[in-house]
């Protein structure tokens, strides 16, 4: 069974995973039986977990906040 986040195409996901892999943040693991490809964080990628968790918590706390509309320039 193939899983991917909702709202993202297979092509975009593959492109982003390749980019993250080339930047050393994720690693691709190919399993022979059954044939499958999985991705995991590298040691460098894991150093971002604290910051990303804090950002997620902040976003969840503020996702319902109203964003003021900027005034048109005079």
C-alpha atoms as a PDB file:
ATOM      1  CA  UNK A   1       0.000   0.000   0.000  1.00  0.00           C
ATOM      2  CA  UNK A   2       1.315   3.403  -0.940  1.00  0.00           C
ATOM      3  CA  UNK A   3       0.884   6.308   1.457  1.00  0.00           C
ATOM      4  CA  UNK A   4       1.400  10.004   0.889  1.00  0.00           C
ATOM      5  CA  UNK A   5       0.196  13.136   2.642  1.00  0.00           C
ATOM      6  CA  UNK A   6      -3.219  14.348   1.528  1.00  0.00           C
ATOM      7  CA  UNK A   7      -3.217  17.292  -0.862  1.00  0.00           C
ATOM      8  CA  UNK A   8       0.187  16.661  -2.497  1.00  0.00           C
ATOM      9  CA  UNK A   9       0.817  14.961  -5.824  1.00  0.00           C
ATOM     10  CA  UNK A  10       3.200  12.030  -6.166  1.00  0.00           C
ATOM     11  CA  UNK A  11       5.506  14.119  -8.373  1.00  0.00           C
ATOM     12  CA  UNK A  12       5.753  16.998  -5.903  1.00  0.00           C
ATOM     13  CA  UNK A  13       6.344  14.615  -3.010  1.00  0.00           C
ATOM     14  CA  UNK A  14       9.070  12.743  -4.921  1.00  0.00           C
ATOM     15  CA  UNK A  15      10.747  16.032  -5.920  1.00  0.00           C
ATOM     16  CA  UNK A  16      10.741  17.332  -2.341  1.00  0.00           C
ATOM     17  CA  UNK A  17      12.037  14.039  -0.910  1.00  0.00           C
ATOM     18  CA  UNK A  18      14.871  14.033  -3.485  1.00  0.00           C
ATOM     19  CA  UNK A  19      15.713  17.624  -2.542  1.00  0.00           C
ATOM     20  CA  UNK A  20      15.723  16.831   1.185  1.00  0.00           C
ATOM     21  CA  UNK A  21      17.868  13.770   0.492  1.00  0.00           C
ATOM     22  CA  UNK A  22      20.388  15.818  -1.510  1.00  0.00           C
ATOM     23  CA  UNK A  23      20.553  18.306   1.373  1.00  0.00           C
ATOM     24  CA  UNK A  24      21.312  15.510   3.832  1.00  0.00           C
ATOM     25  CA  UNK A  25      18.096  15.827   5.858  1.00  0.00           C
ATOM     26  CA  UNK A  26      16.447  12.540   4.901  1.00  0.00           C
ATOM     27  CA  UNK A  27      17.747   9.175   3.755  1.00  0.00           C
ATOM     28  CA  UNK A  28      16.114   6.745   1.361  1.00  0.00           C
ATOM     29  CA  UNK A  29      16.023   3.072   2.337  1.00  0.00           C
ATOM     30  CA  UNK A  30      15.146   0.429  -0.245  1.00  0.00           C
ATOM     31  CA  UNK A  31      13.723  -2.813   1.166  1.00  0.00           C
ATOM     32  CA  UNK A  32      14.058  -5.825  -1.152  1.00  0.00           C
ATOM     33  CA  UNK A  33      11.239  -8.052   0.108  1.00  0.00           C
ATOM     34  CA  UNK A  34       8.612  -6.825  -0.467  1.00  0.00           C
ATOM     35  CA  UNK A  35      10.078  -4.146  -2.701  1.00  0.00           C
ATOM     36  CA  UNK A  36       9.501  -0.820  -0.972  1.00  0.00           C
ATOM     37  CA  UNK A  37      11.153   2.540  -0.492  1.00  0.00           C
ATOM     38  CA  UNK A  38      10.978   4.332   2.824  1.00  0.00           C
ATOM     39  CA  UNK A  39      12.434   7.620   4.005  1.00  0.00           C
ATOM     40  CA  UNK A  40      13.747   8.570   7.407  1.00  0.00           C
ATOM     41  CA  UNK A  41      15.496  11.508   8.988  1.00  0.00           C
ATOM     42  CA  UNK A  42      19.269  11.571   9.033  1.00  0.00           C
ATOM     43  CA  UNK A  43      21.185  12.609  12.128  1.00  0.00           C
ATOM     44  CA  UNK A  44      21.265  16.168  10.758  1.00  0.00           C
ATOM     45  CA  UNK A  45      17.532  16.026  10.006  1.00  0.00           C
ATOM     46  CA  UNK A  46      16.798  14.927  13.569  1.00  0.00           C
ATOM     47  CA  UNK A  47      18.477  18.093  14.870  1.00  0.00           C
ATOM     48  CA  UNK A  48      15.519  20.028  13.408  1.00  0.00           C
ATOM     49  CA  UNK A  49      12.849  18.120  15.360  1.00  0.00           C
ATOM     50  CA  UNK A  50      12.790  20.501  18.338  1.00  0.00           C
ATOM     51  CA  UNK A  51      12.401  23.578  16.147  1.00  0.00           C
ATOM     52  CA  UNK A  52       9.803  21.955  13.901  1.00  0.00           C
ATOM     53  CA  UNK A  53       7.805  20.740  16.892  1.00  0.00           C
ATOM     54  CA  UNK A  54       7.819  24.237  18.388  1.00  0.00           C
ATOM     55  CA  UNK A  55       6.672  25.692  15.053  1.00  0.00           C
ATOM     56  CA  UNK A  56       3.838  23.122  14.806  1.00  0.00           C
ATOM     57  CA  UNK A  57       2.672  23.888  18.353  1.00  0.00           C
ATOM     58  CA  UNK A  58       2.710  27.630  17.613  1.00  0.00           C
ATOM     59  CA  UNK A  59       0.796  27.144  14.341  1.00  0.00           C
ATOM     60  CA  UNK A  60      -1.848  24.967  16.009  1.00  0.00           C
ATOM     61  CA  UNK A  61      -2.334  27.577  18.737  1.00  0.00           C
ATOM     62  CA  UNK A  62      -2.735  30.381  16.193  1.00  0.00           C
ATOM     63  CA  UNK A  63      -4.446  28.695  13.235  1.00  0.00           C
ATOM     64  CA  UNK A  64      -7.814  30.234  14.119  1.00  0.00           C
ATOM     65  CA  UNK A  65      -6.446  33.715  14.757  1.00  0.00           C
ATOM     66  CA  UNK A  66      -7.704  36.421  12.428  1.00  0.00           C
ATOM     67  CA  UNK A  67      -5.079  37.851  10.160  1.00  0.00           C
ATOM     68  CA  UNK A  68      -5.540  41.596   9.627  1.00  0.00           C
ATOM     69  CA  UNK A  69      -5.955  42.680   6.037  1.00  0.00           C
ATOM     70  CA  UNK A  70      -3.318  45.257   5.084  1.00  0.00           C
ATOM     71  CA  UNK A  71      -4.599  48.716   4.206  1.00  0.00           C
ATOM     72  CA  UNK A  72      -4.189  49.727   0.574  1.00  0.00           C
ATOM     73  CA  UNK A  73      -1.212  51.987  -0.064  1.00  0.00           C
ATOM     74  CA  UNK A  74      -2.134  55.637  -0.383  1.00  0.00           C
END
